[in-house]
Amino acid sequence: MRLPFYSCLLLIILLSVKVKGQGCSDAGFCSIGSLKPTVDTDTTDLSNSIAVGVAYGIGLEKTQTVTSYIEYQHKFSKSLSIQSKITGGYSNGDLGTNFGAGDLFISGNYLFPSSNKNKFSLLAGIKIPLNNSNNTNSDNLPLPLDYQSSIGTYDVIAGMKYSIKKFSFSSGVQIPFKQVNENTFFPQFYQDTLAYKYTPTNGFERKSDLLFRITYSVANSNKNLVLQPNILAIYHLGDDTYMNTFGQKTTIENSAGLTLNAGVTLTKNLKNYHQLEFLFAAPLVVREVRPDGLTRSLVLNVQYKIPF
C-alpha cells in the first residue's frame, strides 16, 4: 500500500481534531446519489442495491444525535438510475430526548455516455419531511430544531458531478419550496438557562443552500480498500426567519454564510460486490448562527451496501 493512502487519512484527522467550532449545515443533499463520494464497482448484471446506515453526531451544547437510514437504488441502464432514502433520528441533551421519523429523499441520476475515463452526471431530486418539527420533551415543552429529526421543509434538489482520474467535483443546490415546520420553541419556556444557547425557531423558515465538494480517491494495491478524503463547502444563501412573541416575522441575523467541512470516507469492497463504508467529518469554517439545528462538531457514519 502506498504512502499517500495513509498520509491522506492522517491529514484529514489532524485537521479535524484542531477544529474548535461547530458546523456541518447539511440539510441532506450532500449524502444522496452522485453528490456523495462513492466507489463504483462492476455490477453490470445487478440492477438493484439496498444500503443501511447509521450516523452519530455531536451537536450544539454536546447534544448527541443518531440518524439511521435505509436507501434503495434501481438502475434502468448504465446511464439512468433512481434512488430513494428514508431517515429517522434520535437526539438526547440537556433539554430532553426525542425520537422520530426524519425525511424521505427521492432522486434520479443520469450518467452521460463517455468514451474515456472522465465521467459527468446530473442529479435531480426532492426531499419530503415526515413530521412537522415540533416534538416536545417529557415536560411537554417544544424542543429546538437541534433535537428534531426533520427541519420541516419540502425541497427540490439539483446537482452535477464531474470525475477525472482520481478527482471528482460535485456541486448542487437545495431549495425549500414549501415550509411545513410548526416548531414553537422559545428559550424563555425553560427554566434551564442553557435553553438560551439555542435560537428561537417559532414559525421557522429556512433559506436555500449551495454545495461544492472536491474528492480525491486512492486505493490500495488490491483495489479492495478505497480512501476518499474530501472538502465540502455549503453556502447558506440567506438569513432565516422566525415569528417573534408578537407574531412578527423576524430575521435571524448572521444565519447566512459559509460552512466548510473536512471529511474522509473509507470503503471496503467485499465478496459479491458488497461494500462496507466508514465516514468521518468535522467543520473547518462555520456560520455564526445555525438555527436549523444542523450544528455538528463531528459526524461518524457506518453504511453497509448490498447489490442484487
C-alpha atoms as a PDB file:
ATOM      1  CA  MET A   1       0.000   0.000   0.000  1.00  0.00           C
ATOM      2  CA  ARG A   2       1.401   3.357  -0.983  1.00  0.00           C
ATOM      3  CA  LEU A   3       2.253   6.165   1.401  1.00  0.00           C
ATOM      4  CA  PRO A   4      -0.443   8.568   0.067  1.00  0.00           C
ATOM      5  CA  PHE A   5      -3.146   6.183   1.317  1.00  0.00           C
ATOM      6  CA  TYR A   6      -2.013   6.707   4.917  1.00  0.00           C
ATOM      7  CA  SER A   7      -0.944  10.324   4.608  1.00  0.00           C
ATOM      8  CA  CYS A   8      -4.342  11.455   3.262  1.00  0.00           C
ATOM      9  CA  LEU A   9      -6.144   9.825   6.187  1.00  0.00           C
ATOM     10  CA  LEU A  10      -3.716  11.308   8.716  1.00  0.00           C
ATOM     11  CA  LEU A  11      -4.045  14.804   7.244  1.00  0.00           C
ATOM     12  CA  ILE A  12      -7.853  14.793   7.465  1.00  0.00           C
ATOM     13  CA  ILE A  13      -7.822  13.553  11.070  1.00  0.00           C
ATOM     14  CA  LEU A  14      -5.263  16.138  12.171  1.00  0.00           C
ATOM     15  CA  LEU A  15      -7.213  18.966  10.540  1.00  0.00           C
ATOM     16  CA  SER A  16     -10.456  17.823  12.149  1.00  0.00           C
ATOM     17  CA  VAL A  17      -9.045  17.383  15.641  1.00  0.00           C
ATOM     18  CA  LYS A  18      -7.884  21.015  15.660  1.00  0.00           C
ATOM     19  CA  VAL A  19     -11.372  22.321  14.869  1.00  0.00           C
ATOM     20  CA  LYS A  20     -12.969  24.241  17.754  1.00  0.00           C
ATOM     21  CA  GLY A  21     -16.112  25.456  16.014  1.00  0.00           C
ATOM     22  CA  GLN A  22     -19.234  23.559  15.066  1.00  0.00           C
ATOM     23  CA  GLY A  23     -20.887  23.376  11.701  1.00  0.00           C
ATOM     24  CA  CYS A  24     -21.742  20.770   9.033  1.00  0.00           C
ATOM     25  CA  SER A  25     -25.016  22.517   7.979  1.00  0.00           C
ATOM     26  CA  ASP A  26     -26.044  19.606   5.756  1.00  0.00           C
ATOM     27  CA  ALA A  27     -29.796  19.521   5.143  1.00  0.00           C
ATOM     28  CA  GLY A  28     -29.452  16.139   3.446  1.00  0.00           C
ATOM     29  CA  PHE A  29     -28.399  16.731  -0.129  1.00  0.00           C
ATOM     30  CA  CYS A  30     -24.670  16.101   0.313  1.00  0.00           C
ATOM     31  CA  SER A  31     -25.325  12.413   1.039  1.00  0.00           C
ATOM     32  CA  ILE A  32     -27.637  11.412  -1.806  1.00  0.00           C
ATOM     33  CA  GLY A  33     -26.883   9.966  -5.223  1.00  0.00           C
ATOM     34  CA  SER A  34     -23.825  11.184  -7.073  1.00  0.00           C
ATOM     35  CA  LEU A  35     -23.390  14.167  -4.715  1.00  0.00           C
ATOM     36  CA  LYS A  36     -21.971  11.717  -2.168  1.00  0.00           C
ATOM     37  CA  PRO A  37     -18.463  10.233  -2.519  1.00  0.00           C
ATOM     38  CA  THR A  38     -18.967   6.732  -3.918  1.00  0.00           C
ATOM     39  CA  VAL A  39     -16.849   3.807  -5.053  1.00  0.00           C
ATOM     40  CA  ASP A  40     -18.012   2.325  -8.347  1.00  0.00           C
ATOM     41  CA  THR A  41     -17.959  -1.436  -8.867  1.00  0.00           C
ATOM     42  CA  ASP A  42     -18.674  -3.502 -11.970  1.00  0.00           C
ATOM     43  CA  THR A  43     -22.199  -4.704 -11.167  1.00  0.00           C
ATOM     44  CA  THR A  44     -23.401  -4.896 -14.778  1.00  0.00           C
ATOM     45  CA  ASP A  45     -25.687  -7.868 -14.084  1.00  0.00           C
ATOM     46  CA  LEU A  46     -27.140  -6.373 -10.885  1.00  0.00           C
ATOM     47  CA  SER A  47     -29.781  -3.660 -11.212  1.00  0.00           C
ATOM     48  CA  ASN A  48     -30.673  -3.095  -7.568  1.00  0.00           C
ATOM     49  CA  SER A  49     -28.988  -2.290  -4.281  1.00  0.00           C
ATOM     50  CA  ILE A  50     -30.015  -1.675  -0.677  1.00  0.00           C
ATOM     51  CA  ALA A  51     -27.892   0.224   1.826  1.00  0.00           C
ATOM     52  CA  VAL A  52     -28.454   0.668   5.543  1.00  0.00           C
ATOM     53  CA  GLY A  53     -26.528   3.081   7.695  1.00  0.00           C
ATOM     54  CA  VAL A  54     -26.290   4.905  10.991  1.00  0.00           C
ATOM     55  CA  ALA A  55     -24.628   8.231  11.774  1.00  0.00           C
ATOM     56  CA  TYR A  56     -23.568   9.603  15.145  1.00  0.00           C
ATOM     57  CA  GLY A  57     -23.098  13.337  15.646  1.00  0.00           C
ATOM     58  CA  ILE A  58     -22.327  15.798  18.432  1.00  0.00           C
ATOM     59  CA  GLY A  59     -24.364  18.977  18.157  1.00  0.00           C
ATOM     60  CA  LEU A  60     -24.835  22.267  19.988  1.00  0.00           C
ATOM     61  CA  GLU A  61     -24.131  22.055  23.742  1.00  0.00           C
ATOM     62  CA  LYS A  62     -22.950  18.459  23.215  1.00  0.00           C
ATOM     63  CA  THR A  63     -26.384  17.284  22.132  1.00  0.00           C
ATOM     64  CA  GLN A  64     -25.990  13.731  20.837  1.00  0.00           C
ATOM     65  CA  THR A  65     -27.758  12.685  17.648  1.00  0.00           C
ATOM     66  CA  VAL A  66     -28.136   9.294  15.996  1.00  0.00           C
ATOM     67  CA  THR A  67     -29.566   9.181  12.487  1.00  0.00           C
ATOM     68  CA  SER A  68     -30.416   5.879  10.824  1.00  0.00           C
ATOM     69  CA  TYR A  69     -31.417   5.364   7.218  1.00  0.00           C
ATOM     70  CA  ILE A  70     -32.189   2.842   4.530  1.00  0.00           C
ATOM     71  CA  GLU A  71     -31.860   3.522   0.832  1.00  0.00           C
ATOM     72  CA  TYR A  72     -32.787   1.643  -2.311  1.00  0.00           C
ATOM     73  CA  GLN A  73     -31.375   2.163  -5.793  1.00  0.00           C
ATOM     74  CA  HIS A  74     -32.537   0.790  -9.126  1.00  0.00           C
ATOM     75  CA  LYS A  75     -30.557   1.051 -12.359  1.00  0.00           C
ATOM     76  CA  PHE A  76     -32.660   1.189 -15.501  1.00  0.00           C
ATOM     77  CA  SER A  77     -29.481   1.218 -17.610  1.00  0.00           C
ATOM     78  CA  LYS A  78     -25.781   2.087 -17.330  1.00  0.00           C
ATOM     79  CA  SER A  79     -26.788   5.752 -17.546  1.00  0.00           C
ATOM     80  CA  LEU A  80     -30.077   6.103 -15.681  1.00  0.00           C
ATOM     81  CA  SER A  81     -30.822   5.234 -12.058  1.00  0.00           C
ATOM     82  CA  ILE A  82     -33.258   6.243  -9.317  1.00  0.00           C
ATOM     83  CA  GLN A  83     -32.716   6.222  -5.566  1.00  0.00           C
ATOM     84  CA  SER A  84     -34.983   6.538  -2.543  1.00  0.00           C
ATOM     85  CA  LYS A  85     -33.830   7.099   1.028  1.00  0.00           C
ATOM     86  CA  ILE A  86     -35.737   7.337   4.298  1.00  0.00           C
ATOM     87  CA  THR A  87     -34.271   8.574   7.589  1.00  0.00           C
ATOM     88  CA  GLY A  88     -35.087   8.549  11.273  1.00  0.00           C
ATOM     89  CA  GLY A  89     -33.429  10.363  14.152  1.00  0.00           C
ATOM     90  CA  TYR A  90     -32.763  10.160  17.889  1.00  0.00           C
ATOM     91  CA  SER A  91     -31.436  13.065  19.948  1.00  0.00           C
ATOM     92  CA  ASN A  92     -30.515  13.478  23.591  1.00  0.00           C
ATOM     93  CA  GLY A  93     -29.296  16.512  25.523  1.00  0.00           C
ATOM     94  CA  ASP A  94     -29.859  18.821  28.482  1.00  0.00           C
ATOM     95  CA  LEU A  95     -33.288  19.923  27.233  1.00  0.00           C
ATOM     96  CA  GLY A  96     -34.700  16.448  26.643  1.00  0.00           C
ATOM     97  CA  THR A  97     -34.882  13.446  24.345  1.00  0.00           C
ATOM     98  CA  ASN A  98     -36.613  12.916  21.025  1.00  0.00           C
ATOM     99  CA  PHE A  99     -37.038  10.101  18.519  1.00  0.00           C
ATOM    100  CA  GLY A 100     -38.957  10.213  15.246  1.00  0.00           C
ATOM    101  CA  ALA A 101     -39.126   9.756  11.505  1.00  0.00           C
ATOM    102  CA  GLY A 102     -36.978  12.161   9.502  1.00  0.00           C
ATOM    103  CA  ASP A 103     -37.203  12.745   5.751  1.00  0.00           C
ATOM    104  CA  LEU A 104     -37.833  10.891   2.507  1.00  0.00           C
ATOM    105  CA  PHE A 105     -35.472  11.587  -0.397  1.00  0.00           C
ATOM    106  CA  ILE A 106     -36.198  10.572  -3.981  1.00  0.00           C
ATOM    107  CA  SER A 107     -33.608  11.320  -6.644  1.00  0.00           C
ATOM    108  CA  GLY A 108     -32.715  10.395 -10.197  1.00  0.00           C
ATOM    109  CA  ASN A 109     -29.218  10.305 -11.667  1.00  0.00           C
ATOM    110  CA  TYR A 110     -28.147  10.372 -15.322  1.00  0.00           C
ATOM    111  CA  LEU A 111     -24.576   9.454 -16.283  1.00  0.00           C
ATOM    112  CA  PHE A 112     -23.666  10.737 -19.727  1.00  0.00           C
ATOM    113  CA  PRO A 113     -22.044   8.139 -22.026  1.00  0.00           C
ATOM    114  CA  SER A 114     -18.307   8.690 -22.448  1.00  0.00           C
ATOM    115  CA  SER A 115     -15.544   7.018 -24.417  1.00  0.00           C
ATOM    116  CA  ASN A 116     -12.849   7.960 -21.891  1.00  0.00           C
ATOM    117  CA  LYS A 117     -12.365   7.612 -18.129  1.00  0.00           C
ATOM    118  CA  ASN A 118     -13.873  11.031 -17.411  1.00  0.00           C
ATOM    119  CA  LYS A 119     -17.458  10.913 -16.162  1.00  0.00           C
ATOM    120  CA  PHE A 120     -20.191  13.549 -15.999  1.00  0.00           C
ATOM    121  CA  SER A 121     -23.588  13.080 -14.362  1.00  0.00           C
ATOM    122  CA  LEU A 122     -26.658  15.113 -13.426  1.00  0.00           C
ATOM    123  CA  LEU A 123     -28.962  14.630 -10.460  1.00  0.00           C
ATOM    124  CA  ALA A 124     -32.477  15.842  -9.655  1.00  0.00           C
ATOM    125  CA  GLY A 125     -34.482  15.053  -6.557  1.00  0.00           C
ATOM    126  CA  ILE A 126     -36.930  16.030  -3.866  1.00  0.00           C
ATOM    127  CA  LYS A 127     -36.937  15.910  -0.051  1.00  0.00           C
ATOM    128  CA  ILE A 128     -40.203  15.257   1.788  1.00  0.00           C
ATOM    129  CA  PRO A 129     -40.431  15.850   5.571  1.00  0.00           C
ATOM    130  CA  LEU A 130     -42.060  13.109   7.654  1.00  0.00           C
ATOM    131  CA  ASN A 131     -43.033  15.306  10.616  1.00  0.00           C
ATOM    132  CA  ASN A 132     -43.744  18.957  11.440  1.00  0.00           C
ATOM    133  CA  SER A 133     -40.594  19.527  13.567  1.00  0.00           C
ATOM    134  CA  ASN A 134     -42.408  20.329  16.803  1.00  0.00           C
ATOM    135  CA  ASN A 135     -41.814  17.315  19.029  1.00  0.00           C
ATOM    136  CA  THR A 136     -41.707  18.060  22.764  1.00  0.00           C
ATOM    137  CA  ASN A 137     -39.772  16.821  25.796  1.00  0.00           C
ATOM    138  CA  SER A 138     -41.144  14.949  28.817  1.00  0.00           C
ATOM    139  CA  ASP A 139     -42.427  18.258  30.265  1.00  0.00           C
ATOM    140  CA  ASN A 140     -44.356  18.912  27.027  1.00  0.00           C
ATOM    141  CA  LEU A 141     -42.076  21.834  26.152  1.00  0.00           C
ATOM    142  CA  PRO A 142     -41.256  22.315  22.452  1.00  0.00           C
ATOM    143  CA  LEU A 143     -37.698  21.284  21.640  1.00  0.00           C
ATOM    144  CA  PRO A 144     -35.375  23.389  19.439  1.00  0.00           C
ATOM    145  CA  LEU A 145     -34.575  22.180  15.936  1.00  0.00           C
ATOM    146  CA  ASP A 146     -31.311  20.649  17.196  1.00  0.00           C
ATOM    147  CA  TYR A 147     -33.478  17.910  18.754  1.00  0.00           C
ATOM    148  CA  GLN A 148     -35.874  17.460  15.830  1.00  0.00           C
ATOM    149  CA  SER A 149     -35.498  14.633  13.294  1.00  0.00           C
ATOM    150  CA  SER A 150     -36.552  16.880  10.379  1.00  0.00           C
ATOM    151  CA  ILE A 151     -36.410  20.618   9.693  1.00  0.00           C
ATOM    152  CA  GLY A 152     -39.851  20.514   8.095  1.00  0.00           C
ATOM    153  CA  THR A 153     -39.259  21.652   4.513  1.00  0.00           C
ATOM    154  CA  TYR A 154     -40.153  20.236   1.125  1.00  0.00           C
ATOM    155  CA  ASP A 155     -37.049  20.806  -1.010  1.00  0.00           C
ATOM    156  CA  VAL A 156     -36.069  20.408  -4.631  1.00  0.00           C
ATOM    157  CA  ILE A 157     -32.514  19.266  -5.220  1.00  0.00           C
ATOM    158  CA  ALA A 158     -30.349  19.531  -8.331  1.00  0.00           C
ATOM    159  CA  GLY A 159     -26.703  18.750  -8.837  1.00  0.00           C
ATOM    160  CA  MET A 160     -23.878  17.602 -11.062  1.00  0.00           C
ATOM    161  CA  LYS A 161     -20.664  15.622 -10.738  1.00  0.00           C
ATOM    162  CA  TYR A 162     -17.549  15.504 -12.905  1.00  0.00           C
ATOM    163  CA  SER A 163     -14.832  12.906 -12.378  1.00  0.00           C
ATOM    164  CA  ILE A 164     -11.371  12.938 -13.930  1.00  0.00           C
ATOM    165  CA  LYS A 165      -8.736  10.388 -12.928  1.00  0.00           C
ATOM    166  CA  LYS A 166      -8.615  10.347  -9.102  1.00  0.00           C
ATOM    167  CA  PHE A 167     -10.512  13.599  -8.595  1.00  0.00           C
ATOM    168  CA  SER A 168     -14.231  14.316  -8.609  1.00  0.00           C
ATOM    169  CA  PHE A 169     -16.030  17.647  -8.379  1.00  0.00           C
ATOM    170  CA  SER A 170     -19.639  17.895  -7.215  1.00  0.00           C
ATOM    171  CA  SER A 171     -21.966  20.873  -6.994  1.00  0.00           C
ATOM    172  CA  GLY A 172     -25.615  21.183  -6.066  1.00  0.00           C
ATOM    173  CA  VAL A 173     -28.461  23.322  -4.802  1.00  0.00           C
ATOM    174  CA  GLN A 174     -31.229  22.559  -2.295  1.00  0.00           C
ATOM    175  CA  ILE A 175     -34.232  24.893  -2.440  1.00  0.00           C
ATOM    176  CA  PRO A 176     -37.121  24.784   0.066  1.00  0.00           C
ATOM    177  CA  PHE A 177     -40.379  25.331  -1.843  1.00  0.00           C
ATOM    178  CA  LYS A 178     -42.864  24.509   0.924  1.00  0.00           C
ATOM    179  CA  GLN A 179     -42.369  25.056   4.652  1.00  0.00           C
ATOM    180  CA  VAL A 180     -44.402  22.816   6.971  1.00  0.00           C
ATOM    181  CA  ASN A 181     -42.252  23.494  10.018  1.00  0.00           C
ATOM    182  CA  GLU A 182     -44.545  24.101  13.007  1.00  0.00           C
ATOM    183  CA  ASN A 183     -41.817  24.466  15.612  1.00  0.00           C
ATOM    184  CA  THR A 184     -42.800  26.716  18.535  1.00  0.00           C
ATOM    185  CA  PHE A 185     -39.553  26.833  20.521  1.00  0.00           C
ATOM    186  CA  PHE A 186     -38.685  29.905  22.600  1.00  0.00           C
ATOM    187  CA  PRO A 187     -35.841  29.637  25.156  1.00  0.00           C
ATOM    188  CA  GLN A 188     -37.888  31.533  27.777  1.00  0.00           C
ATOM    189  CA  PHE A 189     -40.175  28.484  28.070  1.00  0.00           C
ATOM    190  CA  TYR A 190     -37.378  26.768  30.010  1.00  0.00           C
ATOM    191  CA  GLN A 191     -36.066  27.412  33.497  1.00  0.00           C
ATOM    192  CA  ASP A 192     -32.713  25.991  32.410  1.00  0.00           C
ATOM    193  CA  THR A 193     -30.543  28.881  31.191  1.00  0.00           C
ATOM    194  CA  LEU A 194     -28.899  26.530  28.685  1.00  0.00           C
ATOM    195  CA  ALA A 195     -32.026  26.961  26.568  1.00  0.00           C
ATOM    196  CA  TYR A 196     -30.783  30.457  25.664  1.00  0.00           C
ATOM    197  CA  LYS A 197     -27.901  28.832  23.771  1.00  0.00           C
ATOM    198  CA  TYR A 198     -30.499  27.894  21.148  1.00  0.00           C
ATOM    199  CA  THR A 199     -32.052  30.317  18.677  1.00  0.00           C
ATOM    200  CA  PRO A 200     -35.857  30.850  18.842  1.00  0.00           C
ATOM    201  CA  THR A 201     -37.428  28.953  15.935  1.00  0.00           C
ATOM    202  CA  ASN A 202     -41.159  29.579  16.318  1.00  0.00           C
ATOM    203  CA  GLY A 203     -42.586  29.600  12.777  1.00  0.00           C
ATOM    204  CA  PHE A 204     -39.098  28.976  11.365  1.00  0.00           C
ATOM    205  CA  GLU A 205     -38.489  29.478   7.635  1.00  0.00           C
ATOM    206  CA  ARG A 206     -35.246  28.278   6.071  1.00  0.00           C
ATOM    207  CA  LYS A 207     -33.397  29.593   3.010  1.00  0.00           C
ATOM    208  CA  SER A 208     -31.617  27.635   0.256  1.00  0.00           C
ATOM    209  CA  ASP A 209     -28.152  26.062   0.201  1.00  0.00           C
ATOM    210  CA  LEU A 210     -25.403  25.682  -2.394  1.00  0.00           C
ATOM    211  CA  LEU A 211     -22.923  22.805  -2.277  1.00  0.00           C
ATOM    212  CA  PHE A 212     -19.466  22.258  -3.714  1.00  0.00           C
ATOM    213  CA  ARG A 213     -17.253  19.248  -2.971  1.00  0.00           C
ATOM    214  CA  ILE A 214     -13.803  18.119  -4.095  1.00  0.00           C
ATOM    215  CA  THR A 215     -12.963  14.444  -3.561  1.00  0.00           C
ATOM    216  CA  TYR A 216      -9.689  12.585  -4.093  1.00  0.00           C
ATOM    217  CA  SER A 217      -9.692   8.783  -4.346  1.00  0.00           C
ATOM    218  CA  VAL A 218      -6.770   6.496  -3.591  1.00  0.00           C
ATOM    219  CA  ALA A 219      -6.844   2.688  -3.378  1.00  0.00           C
ATOM    220  CA  ASN A 220      -4.561   0.005  -2.020  1.00  0.00           C
ATOM    221  CA  SER A 221      -2.749  -2.392  -4.350  1.00  0.00           C
ATOM    222  CA  ASN A 222      -5.642  -4.901  -4.365  1.00  0.00           C
ATOM    223  CA  LYS A 223      -8.234  -2.198  -5.147  1.00  0.00           C
ATOM    224  CA  ASN A 224     -10.443  -3.547  -2.379  1.00  0.00           C
ATOM    225  CA  LEU A 225      -9.878  -0.658   0.026  1.00  0.00           C
ATOM    226  CA  VAL A 226     -10.555   2.898  -1.145  1.00  0.00           C
ATOM    227  CA  LEU A 227      -9.841   6.095   0.783  1.00  0.00           C
ATOM    228  CA  GLN A 228     -11.619   9.311  -0.261  1.00  0.00           C
ATOM    229  CA  PRO A 229     -10.632  12.497   1.587  1.00  0.00           C
ATOM    230  CA  ASN A 230     -12.845  15.412   0.593  1.00  0.00           C
ATOM    231  CA  ILE A 231     -13.543  19.061   1.273  1.00  0.00           C
ATOM    232  CA  LEU A 232     -17.210  20.096   1.345  1.00  0.00           C
ATOM    233  CA  ALA A 233     -18.403  23.706   1.154  1.00  0.00           C
ATOM    234  CA  ILE A 234     -22.056  24.557   1.913  1.00  0.00           C
ATOM    235  CA  TYR A 235     -23.185  28.154   1.473  1.00  0.00           C
ATOM    236  CA  HIS A 236     -26.487  29.168   3.072  1.00  0.00           C
ATOM    237  CA  LEU A 237     -27.890  31.792   0.695  1.00  0.00           C
ATOM    238  CA  GLY A 238     -29.832  33.998   3.092  1.00  0.00           C
ATOM    239  CA  ASP A 239     -30.741  34.734   6.687  1.00  0.00           C
ATOM    240  CA  ASP A 240     -33.507  32.502   8.027  1.00  0.00           C
ATOM    241  CA  THR A 241     -36.543  33.905   9.840  1.00  0.00           C
ATOM    242  CA  TYR A 242     -38.844  33.107  12.764  1.00  0.00           C
ATOM    243  CA  MET A 243     -42.027  34.556  14.296  1.00  0.00           C
ATOM    244  CA  ASN A 244     -41.328  36.515  17.476  1.00  0.00           C
ATOM    245  CA  THR A 245     -43.626  36.638  20.524  1.00  0.00           C
ATOM    246  CA  PHE A 246     -45.609  39.471  18.890  1.00  0.00           C
ATOM    247  CA  GLY A 247     -46.302  37.369  15.790  1.00  0.00           C
ATOM    248  CA  GLN A 248     -43.875  39.348  13.626  1.00  0.00           C
ATOM    249  CA  LYS A 249     -41.559  37.694  11.125  1.00  0.00           C
ATOM    250  CA  THR A 250     -38.028  38.354  12.376  1.00  0.00           C
ATOM    251  CA  THR A 251     -34.721  37.878  10.575  1.00  0.00           C
ATOM    252  CA  ILE A 252     -32.170  35.652  12.291  1.00  0.00           C
ATOM    253  CA  GLU A 253     -29.065  37.753  11.751  1.00  0.00           C
ATOM    254  CA  ASN A 254     -25.850  36.036  10.597  1.00  0.00           C
ATOM    255  CA  SER A 255     -27.573  32.745   9.781  1.00  0.00           C
ATOM    256  CA  ALA A 256     -26.446  33.041   6.144  1.00  0.00           C
ATOM    257  CA  GLY A 257     -22.911  32.188   5.132  1.00  0.00           C
ATOM    258  CA  LEU A 258     -20.303  29.502   4.558  1.00  0.00           C
ATOM    259  CA  THR A 259     -19.650  26.205   6.296  1.00  0.00           C
ATOM    260  CA  LEU A 260     -16.520  24.299   5.229  1.00  0.00           C
ATOM    261  CA  ASN A 261     -16.172  20.661   6.244  1.00  0.00           C
ATOM    262  CA  ALA A 262     -13.268  18.212   6.010  1.00  0.00           C
ATOM    263  CA  GLY A 263     -14.175  14.566   5.653  1.00  0.00           C
ATOM    264  CA  VAL A 264     -12.827  11.165   4.765  1.00  0.00           C
ATOM    265  CA  THR A 265     -14.650   8.064   3.531  1.00  0.00           C
ATOM    266  CA  LEU A 266     -13.113   4.596   3.758  1.00  0.00           C
ATOM    267  CA  THR A 267     -14.790   1.898   1.645  1.00  0.00           C
ATOM    268  CA  LYS A 268     -14.071  -1.818   1.862  1.00  0.00           C
ATOM    269  CA  ASN A 269     -15.136  -3.875  -1.167  1.00  0.00           C
ATOM    270  CA  LEU A 270     -16.292  -7.325  -0.043  1.00  0.00           C
ATOM    271  CA  LYS A 271     -17.461 -10.516  -1.749  1.00  0.00           C
ATOM    272  CA  ASN A 272     -20.395 -10.393  -4.184  1.00  0.00           C
ATOM    273  CA  TYR A 273     -19.888  -6.614  -4.594  1.00  0.00           C
ATOM    274  CA  HIS A 274     -20.968  -5.888  -1.019  1.00  0.00           C
ATOM    275  CA  GLN A 275     -19.469  -2.701   0.444  1.00  0.00           C
ATOM    276  CA  LEU A 276     -18.730  -1.552   3.987  1.00  0.00           C
ATOM    277  CA  GLU A 277     -18.264   2.207   4.295  1.00  0.00           C
ATOM    278  CA  PHE A 278     -16.963   4.403   7.121  1.00  0.00           C
ATOM    279  CA  LEU A 279     -17.224   8.199   7.082  1.00  0.00           C
ATOM    280  CA  PHE A 280     -15.753  10.846   9.379  1.00  0.00           C
ATOM    281  CA  ALA A 281     -16.364  14.597   9.002  1.00  0.00           C
ATOM    282  CA  ALA A 282     -15.805  17.771  11.017  1.00  0.00           C
ATOM    283  CA  PRO A 283     -16.066  21.516  10.288  1.00  0.00           C
ATOM    284  CA  LEU A 284     -13.196  23.858   9.463  1.00  0.00           C
ATOM    285  CA  VAL A 285     -15.249  27.046   8.918  1.00  0.00           C
ATOM    286  CA  VAL A 286     -18.754  27.666  10.307  1.00  0.00           C
ATOM    287  CA  ARG A 287     -21.692  30.018  10.005  1.00  0.00           C
ATOM    288  CA  GLU A 288     -22.009  32.321  13.009  1.00  0.00           C
ATOM    289  CA  VAL A 289     -25.628  31.326  13.715  1.00  0.00           C
ATOM    290  CA  ARG A 290     -27.170  27.948  12.841  1.00  0.00           C
ATOM    291  CA  PRO A 291     -30.846  27.957  13.924  1.00  0.00           C
ATOM    292  CA  ASP A 292     -31.790  24.957  11.739  1.00  0.00           C
ATOM    293  CA  GLY A 293     -30.302  22.518  14.259  1.00  0.00           C
ATOM    294  CA  LEU A 294     -27.662  21.202  11.861  1.00  0.00           C
ATOM    295  CA  THR A 295     -24.737  22.112  14.112  1.00  0.00           C
ATOM    296  CA  ARG A 296     -22.239  19.244  14.377  1.00  0.00           C
ATOM    297  CA  SER A 297     -18.737  19.243  15.819  1.00  0.00           C
ATOM    298  CA  LEU A 298     -18.179  15.817  14.278  1.00  0.00           C
ATOM    299  CA  VAL A 299     -20.062  13.140  12.351  1.00  0.00           C
ATOM    300  CA  LEU A 300     -19.302   9.407  12.234  1.00  0.00           C
ATOM    301  CA  ASN A 301     -21.215   7.222   9.768  1.00  0.00           C
ATOM    302  CA  VAL A 302     -21.216   3.484   9.020  1.00  0.00           C
ATOM    303  CA  GLN A 303     -23.003   2.003   5.991  1.00  0.00           C
ATOM    304  CA  TYR A 304     -23.401  -1.474   4.507  1.00  0.00           C
ATOM    305  CA  LYS A 305     -24.484  -1.843   0.862  1.00  0.00           C
ATOM    306  CA  ILE A 306     -25.844  -4.964  -0.834  1.00  0.00           C
ATOM    307  CA  PRO A 307     -26.302  -5.095  -4.641  1.00  0.00           C
ATOM    308  CA  PHE A 308     -28.667  -7.712  -6.044  1.00  0.00           C
END
